[in-house]
Amino acid sequence: MNVHKGMWCAGAMTLAMTGFAQMAQASVEESADVPQEERELVNQCHDAAMNSKDGDTFESSQLLMEQQNAGDYEPGEELLLHINMLGHGTTIYNVSCNVDEQGNVTYEEYQKAGTPAGSTR
C-alpha cells in the first residue's frame, strides 16, 4: 500500500513538473515574438519598478512580456508605459512607467488587479 502511494506521489510530481516546464517554454516562445525595442523598454520599466519603494511588493512576480504597450512608443514622444507582472495566485500588478522624449524610463505606480491592463496585443 505504501509503495503504491509513493509511486502515485512520484507520478503526480513528474506530471506537475512537466506542466511547469511546458508553461516556461511557452513563455519563452511567446516573448520571442516581442520586438527587441519593446523588450528593452519593458525590461527598463521592470527594473525601475523592482528598484522603487514598491520593489518588495513585486519580489516574486513574473514579468508578463506579452502584456504591455511598449509598441506604442514613438521616439521623441512621451509614453505612459504599462507592463504587467503575475504575483501570488492570480494577482496581477499593473505597473506604470513614464518614458520621456529621450527614452528614459521612470517608475510611476502600480495597481493590484486580476486582469492585465494596457495591452495592445
PDB file of N, CA and C in Angstrom:
ATOM      1  N   MET A   1       0.817  -1.182   0.000  1.00  0.00           N
ATOM      2  CA  MET A   1       0.000   0.000   0.000  1.00  0.00           C
ATOM      3  C   MET A   1       0.870   1.260   0.000  1.00  0.00           C
ATOM      4  N   ASN A   2       1.902   1.305   0.836  1.00  0.00           N
ATOM      5  CA  ASN A   2       2.791   2.466   0.889  1.00  0.00           C
ATOM      6  C   ASN A   2       3.585   2.643  -0.391  1.00  0.00           C
ATOM      7  N   VAL A   3       3.973   1.536  -1.024  1.00  0.00           N
ATOM      8  CA  VAL A   3       4.695   1.616  -2.287  1.00  0.00           C
ATOM      9  C   VAL A   3       3.798   2.236  -3.351  1.00  0.00           C
ATOM     10  N   HIS A   4       2.536   1.798  -3.424  1.00  0.00           N
ATOM     11  CA  HIS A   4       1.588   2.336  -4.404  1.00  0.00           C
ATOM     12  C   HIS A   4       1.388   3.834  -4.198  1.00  0.00           C
ATOM     13  N   LYS A   5       1.247   4.248  -2.932  1.00  0.00           N
ATOM     14  CA  LYS A   5       1.046   5.665  -2.615  1.00  0.00           C
ATOM     15  C   LYS A   5       2.289   6.472  -3.012  1.00  0.00           C
ATOM     16  N   GLY A   6       3.460   5.937  -2.759  1.00  0.00           N
ATOM     17  CA  GLY A   6       4.713   6.608  -3.123  1.00  0.00           C
ATOM     18  C   GLY A   6       4.853   6.739  -4.625  1.00  0.00           C
ATOM     19  N   MET A   7       4.453   5.704  -5.359  1.00  0.00           N
ATOM     20  CA  MET A   7       4.526   5.755  -6.822  1.00  0.00           C
ATOM     21  C   MET A   7       3.554   6.806  -7.345  1.00  0.00           C
ATOM     22  N   TRP A   8       2.358   6.902  -6.750  1.00  0.00           N
ATOM     23  CA  TRP A   8       1.373   7.896  -7.190  1.00  0.00           C
ATOM     24  C   TRP A   8       1.909   9.304  -6.964  1.00  0.00           C
ATOM     25  N   CYS A   9       2.528   9.544  -5.800  1.00  0.00           N
ATOM     26  CA  CYS A   9       3.091  10.867  -5.493  1.00  0.00           C
ATOM     27  C   CYS A   9       4.216  11.214  -6.473  1.00  0.00           C
ATOM     28  N   ALA A  10       5.072  10.244  -6.765  1.00  0.00           N
ATOM     29  CA  ALA A  10       6.163  10.489  -7.713  1.00  0.00           C
ATOM     30  C   ALA A  10       5.601  10.797  -9.098  1.00  0.00           C
ATOM     31  N   GLY A  11       4.564  10.070  -9.498  1.00  0.00           N
ATOM     32  CA  GLY A  11       3.931  10.319 -10.792  1.00  0.00           C
ATOM     33  C   GLY A  11       3.293  11.695 -10.849  1.00  0.00           C
ATOM     34  N   ALA A  12       2.635  12.099  -9.775  1.00  0.00           N
ATOM     35  CA  ALA A  12       1.999  13.421  -9.719  1.00  0.00           C
ATOM     36  C   ALA A  12       3.045  14.520  -9.783  1.00  0.00           C
ATOM     37  N   MET A  13       4.155  14.337  -9.082  1.00  0.00           N
ATOM     38  CA  MET A  13       5.237  15.329  -9.111  1.00  0.00           C
ATOM     39  C   MET A  13       5.827  15.448 -10.513  1.00  0.00           C
ATOM     40  N   THR A  14       6.024  14.331 -11.181  1.00  0.00           N
ATOM     41  CA  THR A  14       6.561  14.340 -12.540  1.00  0.00           C
ATOM     42  C   THR A  14       5.618  15.072 -13.476  1.00  0.00           C
ATOM     43  N   LEU A  15       4.327  14.786 -13.358  1.00  0.00           N
ATOM     44  CA  LEU A  15       3.317  15.440 -14.190  1.00  0.00           C
ATOM     45  C   LEU A  15       3.298  16.944 -13.931  1.00  0.00           C
ATOM     46  N   ALA A  16       3.350  17.343 -12.674  1.00  0.00           N
ATOM     47  CA  ALA A  16       3.346  18.768 -12.327  1.00  0.00           C
ATOM     48  C   ALA A  16       4.589  19.465 -12.872  1.00  0.00           C
ATOM     49  N   MET A  17       5.747  18.835 -12.731  1.00  0.00           N
ATOM     50  CA  MET A  17       6.987  19.445 -13.209  1.00  0.00           C
ATOM     51  C   MET A  17       6.982  19.552 -14.731  1.00  0.00           C
ATOM     52  N   THR A  18       6.414  18.567 -15.407  1.00  0.00           N
ATOM     53  CA  THR A  18       6.303  18.623 -16.859  1.00  0.00           C
ATOM     54  C   THR A  18       5.414  19.785 -17.273  1.00  0.00           C
ATOM     55  N   GLY A  19       4.315  19.978 -16.569  1.00  0.00           N
ATOM     56  CA  GLY A  19       3.416  21.097 -16.849  1.00  0.00           C
ATOM     57  C   GLY A  19       4.107  22.431 -16.665  1.00  0.00           C
ATOM     58  N   PHE A  20       4.888  22.579 -15.572  1.00  0.00           N
ATOM     59  CA  PHE A  20       5.608  23.825 -15.336  1.00  0.00           C
ATOM     60  C   PHE A  20       6.650  24.061 -16.422  1.00  0.00           C
ATOM     61  N   ALA A  21       7.334  23.000 -16.840  1.00  0.00           N
ATOM     62  CA  ALA A  21       8.342  23.140 -17.895  1.00  0.00           C
ATOM     63  C   ALA A  21       7.693  23.584 -19.197  1.00  0.00           C
ATOM     64  N   GLN A  22       6.520  23.026 -19.506  1.00  0.00           N
ATOM     65  CA  GLN A  22       5.820  23.419 -20.726  1.00  0.00           C
ATOM     66  C   GLN A  22       5.373  24.871 -20.648  1.00  0.00           C
ATOM     67  N   MET A  23       4.892  25.321 -19.476  1.00  0.00           N
ATOM     68  CA  MET A  23       4.476  26.713 -19.318  1.00  0.00           C
ATOM     69  C   MET A  23       5.671  27.645 -19.486  1.00  0.00           C
ATOM     70  N   ALA A  24       6.807  27.276 -18.909  1.00  0.00           N
ATOM     71  CA  ALA A  24       8.003  28.101 -19.027  1.00  0.00           C
ATOM     72  C   ALA A  24       8.454  28.171 -20.482  1.00  0.00           C
ATOM     73  N   GLN A  25       8.392  27.040 -21.187  1.00  0.00           N
ATOM     74  CA  GLN A  25       8.778  27.006 -22.591  1.00  0.00           C
ATOM     75  C   GLN A  25       7.849  27.889 -23.411  1.00  0.00           C
ATOM     76  N   ALA A  26       6.553  27.830 -23.139  1.00  0.00           N
ATOM     77  CA  ALA A  26       5.584  28.662 -23.872  1.00  0.00           C
ATOM     78  C   ALA A  26       5.880  30.129 -23.626  1.00  0.00           C
ATOM     79  N   SER A  27       6.263  30.480 -22.405  1.00  0.00           N
ATOM     80  CA  SER A  27       6.572  31.859 -22.063  1.00  0.00           C
ATOM     81  C   SER A  27       7.766  32.356 -22.872  1.00  0.00           C
ATOM     82  N   VAL A  28       8.801  31.534 -22.988  1.00  0.00           N
ATOM     83  CA  VAL A  28       9.992  31.890 -23.746  1.00  0.00           C
ATOM     84  C   VAL A  28       9.632  32.058 -25.219  1.00  0.00           C
ATOM     85  N   GLU A  29       8.842  31.132 -25.758  1.00  0.00           N
ATOM     86  CA  GLU A  29       8.465  31.202 -27.161  1.00  0.00           C
ATOM     87  C   GLU A  29       7.621  32.441 -27.439  1.00  0.00           C
ATOM     88  N   GLU A  30       6.674  32.761 -26.558  1.00  0.00           N
ATOM     89  CA  GLU A  30       5.823  33.927 -26.757  1.00  0.00           C
ATOM     90  C   GLU A  30       6.637  35.203 -26.721  1.00  0.00           C
ATOM     91  N   SER A  31       7.580  35.307 -25.786  1.00  0.00           N
ATOM     92  CA  SER A  31       8.351  36.538 -25.680  1.00  0.00           C
ATOM     93  C   SER A  31       9.287  36.706 -26.871  1.00  0.00           C
ATOM     94  N   ALA A  32       9.584  35.614 -27.589  1.00  0.00           N
ATOM     95  CA  ALA A  32      10.417  35.711 -28.773  1.00  0.00           C
ATOM     96  C   ALA A  32       9.722  36.540 -29.855  1.00  0.00           C
ATOM     97  N   ASP A  33       8.401  36.630 -29.819  1.00  0.00           N
ATOM     98  CA  ASP A  33       7.647  37.412 -30.792  1.00  0.00           C
ATOM     99  C   ASP A  33       7.665  38.905 -30.487  1.00  0.00           C
ATOM    100  N   VAL A  34       8.115  39.289 -29.312  1.00  0.00           N
ATOM    101  CA  VAL A  34       8.143  40.693 -28.917  1.00  0.00           C
ATOM    102  C   VAL A  34       9.425  41.316 -29.479  1.00  0.00           C
ATOM    103  N   PRO A  35       9.300  42.393 -30.279  1.00  0.00           N
ATOM    104  CA  PRO A  35      10.488  43.036 -30.846  1.00  0.00           C
ATOM    105  C   PRO A  35      11.472  43.493 -29.766  1.00  0.00           C
ATOM    106  N   GLN A  36      12.750  43.494 -30.108  1.00  0.00           N
ATOM    107  CA  GLN A  36      13.819  43.836 -29.165  1.00  0.00           C
ATOM    108  C   GLN A  36      13.610  45.208 -28.528  1.00  0.00           C
ATOM    109  N   GLU A  37      13.183  46.212 -29.308  1.00  0.00           N
ATOM    110  CA  GLU A  37      12.988  47.555 -28.768  1.00  0.00           C
ATOM    111  C   GLU A  37      11.927  47.550 -27.663  1.00  0.00           C
ATOM    112  N   GLU A  38      10.846  46.797 -27.885  1.00  0.00           N
ATOM    113  CA  GLU A  38       9.785  46.701 -26.883  1.00  0.00           C
ATOM    114  C   GLU A  38      10.297  45.992 -25.645  1.00  0.00           C
ATOM    115  N   ARG A  39      11.049  44.911 -25.841  1.00  0.00           N
ATOM    116  CA  ARG A  39      11.587  44.163 -24.709  1.00  0.00           C
ATOM    117  C   ARG A  39      12.479  45.047 -23.851  1.00  0.00           C
ATOM    118  N   GLU A  40      13.287  45.890 -24.509  1.00  0.00           N
ATOM    119  CA  GLU A  40      14.186  46.769 -23.758  1.00  0.00           C
ATOM    120  C   GLU A  40      13.407  47.755 -22.892  1.00  0.00           C
ATOM    121  N   LEU A  41      12.365  48.378 -23.455  1.00  0.00           N
ATOM    122  CA  LEU A  41      11.546  49.305 -22.673  1.00  0.00           C
ATOM    123  C   LEU A  41      10.863  48.598 -21.507  1.00  0.00           C
ATOM    124  N   VAL A  42      10.295  47.430 -21.776  1.00  0.00           N
ATOM    125  CA  VAL A  42       9.609  46.667 -20.734  1.00  0.00           C
ATOM    126  C   VAL A  42      10.595  46.281 -19.637  1.00  0.00           C
ATOM    127  N   ASN A  43      11.772  45.815 -20.016  1.00  0.00           N
ATOM    128  CA  ASN A  43      12.770  45.434 -19.016  1.00  0.00           C
ATOM    129  C   ASN A  43      13.239  46.634 -18.200  1.00  0.00           C
ATOM    130  N   GLN A  44      13.361  47.808 -18.839  1.00  0.00           N
ATOM    131  CA  GLN A  44      13.750  49.009 -18.104  1.00  0.00           C
ATOM    132  C   GLN A  44      12.671  49.398 -17.098  1.00  0.00           C
ATOM    133  N   CYS A  45      11.405  49.300 -17.505  1.00  0.00           N
ATOM    134  CA  CYS A  45      10.298  49.600 -16.591  1.00  0.00           C
ATOM    135  C   CYS A  45      10.288  48.588 -15.439  1.00  0.00           C
ATOM    136  N   HIS A  46      10.471  47.321 -15.764  1.00  0.00           N
ATOM    137  CA  HIS A  46      10.512  46.273 -14.748  1.00  0.00           C
ATOM    138  C   HIS A  46      11.635  46.548 -13.749  1.00  0.00           C
ATOM    139  N   ASP A  47      12.825  46.876 -14.255  1.00  0.00           N
ATOM    140  CA  ASP A  47      13.959  47.167 -13.374  1.00  0.00           C
ATOM    141  C   ASP A  47      13.680  48.378 -12.491  1.00  0.00           C
ATOM    142  N   ALA A  48      13.091  49.424 -13.090  1.00  0.00           N
ATOM    143  CA  ALA A  48      12.757  50.623 -12.315  1.00  0.00           C
ATOM    144  C   ALA A  48      11.757  50.299 -11.209  1.00  0.00           C
ATOM    145  N   ALA A  49      10.760  49.466 -11.520  1.00  0.00           N
ATOM    146  CA  ALA A  49       9.764  49.069 -10.514  1.00  0.00           C
ATOM    147  C   ALA A  49      10.413  48.242  -9.406  1.00  0.00           C
ATOM    148  N   MET A  50      11.282  47.319  -9.783  1.00  0.00           N
ATOM    149  CA  MET A  50      11.937  46.468  -8.785  1.00  0.00           C
ATOM    150  C   MET A  50      12.846  47.279  -7.865  1.00  0.00           C
ATOM    151  N   ASN A  51      13.404  48.386  -8.378  1.00  0.00           N
ATOM    152  CA  ASN A  51      14.306  49.224  -7.586  1.00  0.00           C
ATOM    153  C   ASN A  51      13.591  50.384  -6.904  1.00  0.00           C
ATOM    154  N   SER A  52      12.278  50.429  -7.017  1.00  0.00           N
ATOM    155  CA  SER A  52      11.492  51.515  -6.418  1.00  0.00           C
ATOM    156  C   SER A  52      11.147  51.201  -4.962  1.00  0.00           C
ATOM    157  N   LYS A  53      10.465  52.134  -4.338  1.00  0.00           N
ATOM    158  CA  LYS A  53       9.993  51.935  -2.960  1.00  0.00           C
ATOM    159  C   LYS A  53       9.005  50.781  -2.873  1.00  0.00           C
ATOM    160  N   ASP A  54       8.356  50.445  -3.987  1.00  0.00           N
ATOM    161  CA  ASP A  54       7.388  49.344  -4.030  1.00  0.00           C
ATOM    162  C   ASP A  54       8.026  48.014  -4.437  1.00  0.00           C
ATOM    163  N   GLY A  55       9.326  48.007  -4.624  1.00  0.00           N
ATOM    164  CA  GLY A  55      10.025  46.829  -5.136  1.00  0.00           C
ATOM    165  C   GLY A  55       9.771  45.547  -4.366  1.00  0.00           C
ATOM    166  N   ASP A  56       9.639  45.637  -3.041  1.00  0.00           N
ATOM    167  CA  ASP A  56       9.390  44.437  -2.226  1.00  0.00           C
ATOM    168  C   ASP A  56       8.062  43.785  -2.600  1.00  0.00           C
ATOM    169  N   THR A  57       7.103  44.577  -3.048  1.00  0.00           N
ATOM    170  CA  THR A  57       5.793  44.057  -3.443  1.00  0.00           C
ATOM    171  C   THR A  57       5.926  43.099  -4.615  1.00  0.00           C
ATOM    172  N   PHE A  58       6.860  43.399  -5.526  1.00  0.00           N
ATOM    173  CA  PHE A  58       6.998  42.629  -6.761  1.00  0.00           C
ATOM    174  C   PHE A  58       8.042  41.526  -6.672  1.00  0.00           C
ATOM    175  N   GLU A  59       8.599  41.288  -5.487  1.00  0.00           N
ATOM    176  CA  GLU A  59       9.753  40.413  -5.316  1.00  0.00           C
ATOM    177  C   GLU A  59       9.655  39.080  -6.051  1.00  0.00           C
ATOM    178  N   SER A  60       8.547  38.379  -5.943  1.00  0.00           N
ATOM    179  CA  SER A  60       8.448  37.063  -6.568  1.00  0.00           C
ATOM    180  C   SER A  60       7.540  37.083  -7.798  1.00  0.00           C
ATOM    181  N   SER A  61       7.349  38.262  -8.367  1.00  0.00           N
ATOM    182  CA  SER A  61       6.455  38.379  -9.513  1.00  0.00           C
ATOM    183  C   SER A  61       7.155  38.002 -10.812  1.00  0.00           C
ATOM    184  N   GLN A  62       6.367  37.484 -11.735  1.00  0.00           N
ATOM    185  CA  GLN A  62       6.860  37.094 -13.052  1.00  0.00           C
ATOM    186  C   GLN A  62       6.401  38.133 -14.071  1.00  0.00           C
ATOM    187  N   LEU A  63       7.329  38.652 -14.840  1.00  0.00           N
ATOM    188  CA  LEU A  63       7.019  39.637 -15.869  1.00  0.00           C
ATOM    189  C   LEU A  63       6.244  38.968 -16.998  1.00  0.00           C
ATOM    190  N   LEU A  64       5.130  39.562 -17.385  1.00  0.00           N
ATOM    191  CA  LEU A  64       4.327  39.055 -18.496  1.00  0.00           C
ATOM    192  C   LEU A  64       4.687  39.874 -19.738  1.00  0.00           C
ATOM    193  N   MET A  65       5.695  39.434 -20.463  1.00  0.00           N
ATOM    194  CA  MET A  65       6.254  40.206 -21.575  1.00  0.00           C
ATOM    195  C   MET A  65       5.213  40.541 -22.641  1.00  0.00           C
ATOM    196  N   GLU A  66       4.281  39.644 -22.887  1.00  0.00           N
ATOM    197  CA  GLU A  66       3.290  39.874 -23.934  1.00  0.00           C
ATOM    198  C   GLU A  66       2.248  40.919 -23.546  1.00  0.00           C
ATOM    199  N   GLN A  67       2.132  41.205 -22.261  1.00  0.00           N
ATOM    200  CA  GLN A  67       1.093  42.111 -21.763  1.00  0.00           C
ATOM    201  C   GLN A  67       1.673  43.489 -21.481  1.00  0.00           C
ATOM    202  N   GLN A  68       1.844  44.293 -22.518  1.00  0.00           N
ATOM    203  CA  GLN A  68       2.425  45.628 -22.358  1.00  0.00           C
ATOM    204  C   GLN A  68       2.077  46.474 -23.583  1.00  0.00           C
ATOM    205  N   ASN A  69       2.332  47.782 -23.495  1.00  0.00           N
ATOM    206  CA  ASN A  69       2.016  48.676 -24.608  1.00  0.00           C
ATOM    207  C   ASN A  69       3.251  49.378 -25.165  1.00  0.00           C
ATOM    208  N   ALA A  70       4.424  48.771 -25.029  1.00  0.00           N
ATOM    209  CA  ALA A  70       5.671  49.384 -25.492  1.00  0.00           C
ATOM    210  C   ALA A  70       5.666  49.631 -26.995  1.00  0.00           C
ATOM    211  N   GLY A  71       4.867  48.897 -27.743  1.00  0.00           N
ATOM    212  CA  GLY A  71       4.788  49.092 -29.194  1.00  0.00           C
ATOM    213  C   GLY A  71       4.207  50.439 -29.578  1.00  0.00           C
ATOM    214  N   ASP A  72       3.570  51.117 -28.617  1.00  0.00           N
ATOM    215  CA  ASP A  72       3.004  52.441 -28.879  1.00  0.00           C
ATOM    216  C   ASP A  72       4.048  53.559 -28.777  1.00  0.00           C
ATOM    217  N   TYR A  73       5.258  53.215 -28.310  1.00  0.00           N
ATOM    218  CA  TYR A  73       6.284  54.248 -28.114  1.00  0.00           C
ATOM    219  C   TYR A  73       6.821  54.758 -29.445  1.00  0.00           C
ATOM    220  N   GLU A  74       6.849  56.081 -29.575  1.00  0.00           N
ATOM    221  CA  GLU A  74       7.450  56.761 -30.725  1.00  0.00           C
ATOM    222  C   GLU A  74       8.620  57.581 -30.200  1.00  0.00           C
ATOM    223  N   PRO A  75       9.843  57.358 -30.694  1.00  0.00           N
ATOM    224  CA  PRO A  75      10.986  58.156 -30.228  1.00  0.00           C
ATOM    225  C   PRO A  75      10.691  59.653 -30.344  1.00  0.00           C
ATOM    226  N   GLY A  76      11.080  60.374 -29.311  1.00  0.00           N
ATOM    227  CA  GLY A  76      10.843  61.811 -29.286  1.00  0.00           C
ATOM    228  C   GLY A  76       9.516  62.207 -28.664  1.00  0.00           C
ATOM    229  N   GLU A  77       8.702  61.230 -28.282  1.00  0.00           N
ATOM    230  CA  GLU A  77       7.419  61.499 -27.641  1.00  0.00           C
ATOM    231  C   GLU A  77       7.353  60.771 -26.309  1.00  0.00           C
ATOM    232  N   GLU A  78       6.565  61.325 -25.378  1.00  0.00           N
ATOM    233  CA  GLU A  78       6.364  60.669 -24.086  1.00  0.00           C
ATOM    234  C   GLU A  78       5.355  59.537 -24.213  1.00  0.00           C
ATOM    235  N   LEU A  79       5.473  58.559 -23.323  1.00  0.00           N
ATOM    236  CA  LEU A  79       4.526  57.449 -23.275  1.00  0.00           C
ATOM    237  C   LEU A  79       4.338  57.020 -21.832  1.00  0.00           C
ATOM    238  N   LEU A  80       3.103  56.784 -21.446  1.00  0.00           N
ATOM    239  CA  LEU A  80       2.833  56.142 -20.168  1.00  0.00           C
ATOM    240  C   LEU A  80       2.816  54.644 -20.464  1.00  0.00           C
ATOM    241  N   LEU A  81       3.905  53.981 -20.112  1.00  0.00           N
ATOM    242  CA  LEU A  81       4.097  52.566 -20.406  1.00  0.00           C
ATOM    243  C   LEU A  81       3.428  51.721 -19.337  1.00  0.00           C
ATOM    244  N   HIS A  82       2.675  50.733 -19.766  1.00  0.00           N
ATOM    245  CA  HIS A  82       2.021  49.798 -18.847  1.00  0.00           C
ATOM    246  C   HIS A  82       2.608  48.411 -19.076  1.00  0.00           C
ATOM    247  N   ILE A  83       3.092  47.826 -17.984  1.00  0.00           N
ATOM    248  CA  ILE A  83       3.530  46.436 -18.035  1.00  0.00           C
ATOM    249  C   ILE A  83       2.759  45.685 -16.961  1.00  0.00           C
ATOM    250  N   ASN A  84       2.768  44.380 -17.047  1.00  0.00           N
ATOM    251  CA  ASN A  84       2.035  43.566 -16.077  1.00  0.00           C
ATOM    252  C   ASN A  84       2.941  42.473 -15.546  1.00  0.00           C
ATOM    253  N   MET A  85       2.771  42.219 -14.252  1.00  0.00           N
ATOM    254  CA  MET A  85       3.519  41.158 -13.596  1.00  0.00           C
ATOM    255  C   MET A  85       2.552  40.268 -12.840  1.00  0.00           C
ATOM    256  N   LEU A  86       2.759  38.975 -12.965  1.00  0.00           N
ATOM    257  CA  LEU A  86       1.949  37.998 -12.264  1.00  0.00           C
ATOM    258  C   LEU A  86       2.523  37.796 -10.875  1.00  0.00           C
ATOM    259  N   GLY A  87       1.695  38.063  -9.867  1.00  0.00           N
ATOM    260  CA  GLY A  87       2.119  37.903  -8.483  1.00  0.00           C
ATOM    261  C   GLY A  87       1.625  36.591  -7.908  1.00  0.00           C
ATOM    262  N   HIS A  88       1.439  36.553  -6.611  1.00  0.00           N
ATOM    263  CA  HIS A  88       0.983  35.358  -5.917  1.00  0.00           C
ATOM    264  C   HIS A  88      -0.442  35.004  -6.344  1.00  0.00           C
ATOM    265  N   GLY A  89      -0.688  33.739  -6.630  1.00  0.00           N
ATOM    266  CA  GLY A  89      -2.026  33.288  -7.038  1.00  0.00           C
ATOM    267  C   GLY A  89      -2.407  33.892  -8.372  1.00  0.00           C
ATOM    268  N   THR A  90      -3.526  34.578  -8.400  1.00  0.00           N
ATOM    269  CA  THR A  90      -3.973  35.201  -9.647  1.00  0.00           C
ATOM    270  C   THR A  90      -3.798  36.716  -9.623  1.00  0.00           C
ATOM    271  N   THR A  91      -3.010  37.220  -8.689  1.00  0.00           N
ATOM    272  CA  THR A  91      -2.775  38.654  -8.597  1.00  0.00           C
ATOM    273  C   THR A  91      -1.937  39.123  -9.776  1.00  0.00           C
ATOM    274  N   ILE A  92      -2.381  40.188 -10.391  1.00  0.00           N
ATOM    275  CA  ILE A  92      -1.605  40.817 -11.451  1.00  0.00           C
ATOM    276  C   ILE A  92      -1.330  42.250 -11.028  1.00  0.00           C
ATOM    277  N   TYR A  93      -0.067  42.642 -11.130  1.00  0.00           N
ATOM    278  CA  TYR A  93       0.320  44.012 -10.837  1.00  0.00           C
ATOM    279  C   TYR A  93       0.382  44.776 -12.149  1.00  0.00           C
ATOM    280  N   ASN A  94      -0.463  45.802 -12.282  1.00  0.00           N
ATOM    281  CA  ASN A  94      -0.445  46.684 -13.444  1.00  0.00           C
ATOM    282  C   ASN A  94       0.519  47.813 -13.089  1.00  0.00           C
ATOM    283  N   VAL A  95       1.694  47.800 -13.689  1.00  0.00           N
ATOM    284  CA  VAL A  95       2.756  48.749 -13.378  1.00  0.00           C
ATOM    285  C   VAL A  95       2.812  49.826 -14.455  1.00  0.00           C
ATOM    286  N   SER A  96       2.927  51.077 -14.023  1.00  0.00           N
ATOM    287  CA  SER A  96       3.034  52.204 -14.948  1.00  0.00           C
ATOM    288  C   SER A  96       4.404  52.850 -14.817  1.00  0.00           C
ATOM    289  N   CYS A  97       5.014  53.128 -15.965  1.00  0.00           N
ATOM    290  CA  CYS A  97       6.281  53.847 -16.031  1.00  0.00           C
ATOM    291  C   CYS A  97       6.134  54.962 -17.052  1.00  0.00           C
ATOM    292  N   ASN A  98       6.866  56.026 -16.836  1.00  0.00           N
ATOM    293  CA  ASN A  98       6.880  57.109 -17.805  1.00  0.00           C
ATOM    294  C   ASN A  98       8.118  56.948 -18.688  1.00  0.00           C
ATOM    295  N   VAL A  99       7.924  57.048 -19.990  1.00  0.00           N
ATOM    296  CA  VAL A  99       9.042  57.064 -20.930  1.00  0.00           C
ATOM    297  C   VAL A  99       9.074  58.483 -21.486  1.00  0.00           C
ATOM    298  N   ASP A 100      10.188  59.202 -21.255  1.00  0.00           N
ATOM    299  CA  ASP A 100      10.251  60.586 -21.710  1.00  0.00           C
ATOM    300  C   ASP A 100      10.714  60.671 -23.168  1.00  0.00           C
ATOM    301  N   GLU A 101      10.835  61.896 -23.668  1.00  0.00           N
ATOM    302  CA  GLU A 101      11.188  62.114 -25.070  1.00  0.00           C
ATOM    303  C   GLU A 101      12.544  61.517 -25.440  1.00  0.00           C
ATOM    304  N   GLN A 102      13.439  61.418 -24.456  1.00  0.00           N
ATOM    305  CA  GLN A 102      14.772  60.851 -24.712  1.00  0.00           C
ATOM    306  C   GLN A 102      14.809  59.334 -24.536  1.00  0.00           C
ATOM    307  N   GLY A 103      13.695  58.744 -24.148  1.00  0.00           N
ATOM    308  CA  GLY A 103      13.643  57.292 -23.960  1.00  0.00           C
ATOM    309  C   GLY A 103      13.986  56.841 -22.559  1.00  0.00           C
ATOM    310  N   ASN A 104      14.139  57.789 -21.621  1.00  0.00           N
ATOM    311  CA  ASN A 104      14.425  57.435 -20.226  1.00  0.00           C
ATOM    312  C   ASN A 104      13.150  56.909 -19.570  1.00  0.00           C
ATOM    313  N   VAL A 105      13.300  55.843 -18.818  1.00  0.00           N
ATOM    314  CA  VAL A 105      12.153  55.186 -18.194  1.00  0.00           C
ATOM    315  C   VAL A 105      12.205  55.385 -16.681  1.00  0.00           C
ATOM    316  N   THR A 106      11.085  55.865 -16.112  1.00  0.00           N
ATOM    317  CA  THR A 106      10.986  56.018 -14.665  1.00  0.00           C
ATOM    318  C   THR A 106       9.689  55.365 -14.182  1.00  0.00           C
ATOM    319  N   TYR A 107       9.807  54.703 -13.042  1.00  0.00           N
ATOM    320  CA  TYR A 107       8.650  54.059 -12.418  1.00  0.00           C
ATOM    321  C   TYR A 107       7.697  55.112 -11.876  1.00  0.00           C
ATOM    322  N   GLU A 108       6.398  54.910 -12.086  1.00  0.00           N
ATOM    323  CA  GLU A 108       5.380  55.827 -11.586  1.00  0.00           C
ATOM    324  C   GLU A 108       4.583  55.208 -10.434  1.00  0.00           C
ATOM    325  N   GLU A 109       3.866  54.109 -10.723  1.00  0.00           N
ATOM    326  CA  GLU A 109       2.996  53.497  -9.713  1.00  0.00           C
ATOM    327  C   GLU A 109       2.568  52.108 -10.167  1.00  0.00           C
ATOM    328  N   TYR A 110       1.815  51.452  -9.291  1.00  0.00           N
ATOM    329  CA  TYR A 110       1.220  50.170  -9.657  1.00  0.00           C
ATOM    330  C   TYR A 110      -0.175  50.077  -9.072  1.00  0.00           C
ATOM    331  N   GLN A 111      -0.959  49.204  -9.659  1.00  0.00           N
ATOM    332  CA  GLN A 111      -2.267  48.842  -9.121  1.00  0.00           C
ATOM    333  C   GLN A 111      -2.344  47.329  -9.110  1.00  0.00           C
ATOM    334  N   LYS A 112      -2.984  46.817  -8.106  1.00  0.00           N
ATOM    335  CA  LYS A 112      -3.177  45.376  -7.972  1.00  0.00           C
ATOM    336  C   LYS A 112      -4.520  45.040  -8.605  1.00  0.00           C
ATOM    337  N   ALA A 113      -4.537  44.059  -9.498  1.00  0.00           N
ATOM    338  CA  ALA A 113      -5.768  43.702 -10.198  1.00  0.00           C
ATOM    339  C   ALA A 113      -5.790  42.201 -10.489  1.00  0.00           C
ATOM    340  N   GLY A 114      -6.852  41.778 -11.116  1.00  0.00           N
ATOM    341  CA  GLY A 114      -6.964  40.382 -11.509  1.00  0.00           C
ATOM    342  C   GLY A 114      -6.826  40.195 -13.007  1.00  0.00           C
ATOM    343  N   THR A 115      -6.677  41.308 -13.741  1.00  0.00           N
ATOM    344  CA  THR A 115      -6.541  41.219 -15.194  1.00  0.00           C
ATOM    345  C   THR A 115      -5.452  42.167 -15.671  1.00  0.00           C
ATOM    346  N   PRO A 116      -4.780  41.822 -16.771  1.00  0.00           N
ATOM    347  CA  PRO A 116      -3.764  42.717 -17.336  1.00  0.00           C
ATOM    348  C   PRO A 116      -4.376  44.012 -17.838  1.00  0.00           C
ATOM    349  N   ALA A 117      -3.613  45.082 -17.778  1.00  0.00           N
ATOM    350  CA  ALA A 117      -4.060  46.384 -18.298  1.00  0.00           C
ATOM    351  C   ALA A 117      -3.048  46.907 -19.295  1.00  0.00           C
ATOM    352  N   GLY A 118      -3.526  47.736 -20.216  1.00  0.00           N
ATOM    353  CA  GLY A 118      -2.628  48.409 -21.144  1.00  0.00           C
ATOM    354  C   GLY A 118      -2.121  47.568 -22.280  1.00  0.00           C
ATOM    355  N   SER A 119      -2.664  46.408 -22.489  1.00  0.00           N
ATOM    356  CA  SER A 119      -2.183  45.537 -23.549  1.00  0.00           C
ATOM    357  C   SER A 119      -2.786  45.937 -24.884  1.00  0.00           C
ATOM    358  N   THR A 120      -1.938  45.969 -25.887  1.00  0.00           N
ATOM    359  CA  THR A 120      -2.422  46.243 -27.244  1.00  0.00           C
ATOM    360  C   THR A 120      -2.332  45.001 -28.102  1.00  0.00           C
ATOM    361  N   ARG A 121      -2.055  43.879 -27.494  1.00  0.00           N
ATOM    362  CA  ARG A 121      -1.899  42.621 -28.239  1.00  0.00           C
ATOM    363  C   ARG A 121      -3.173  41.834 -28.181  1.00  0.00           C
TER     364      ARG A 121
END
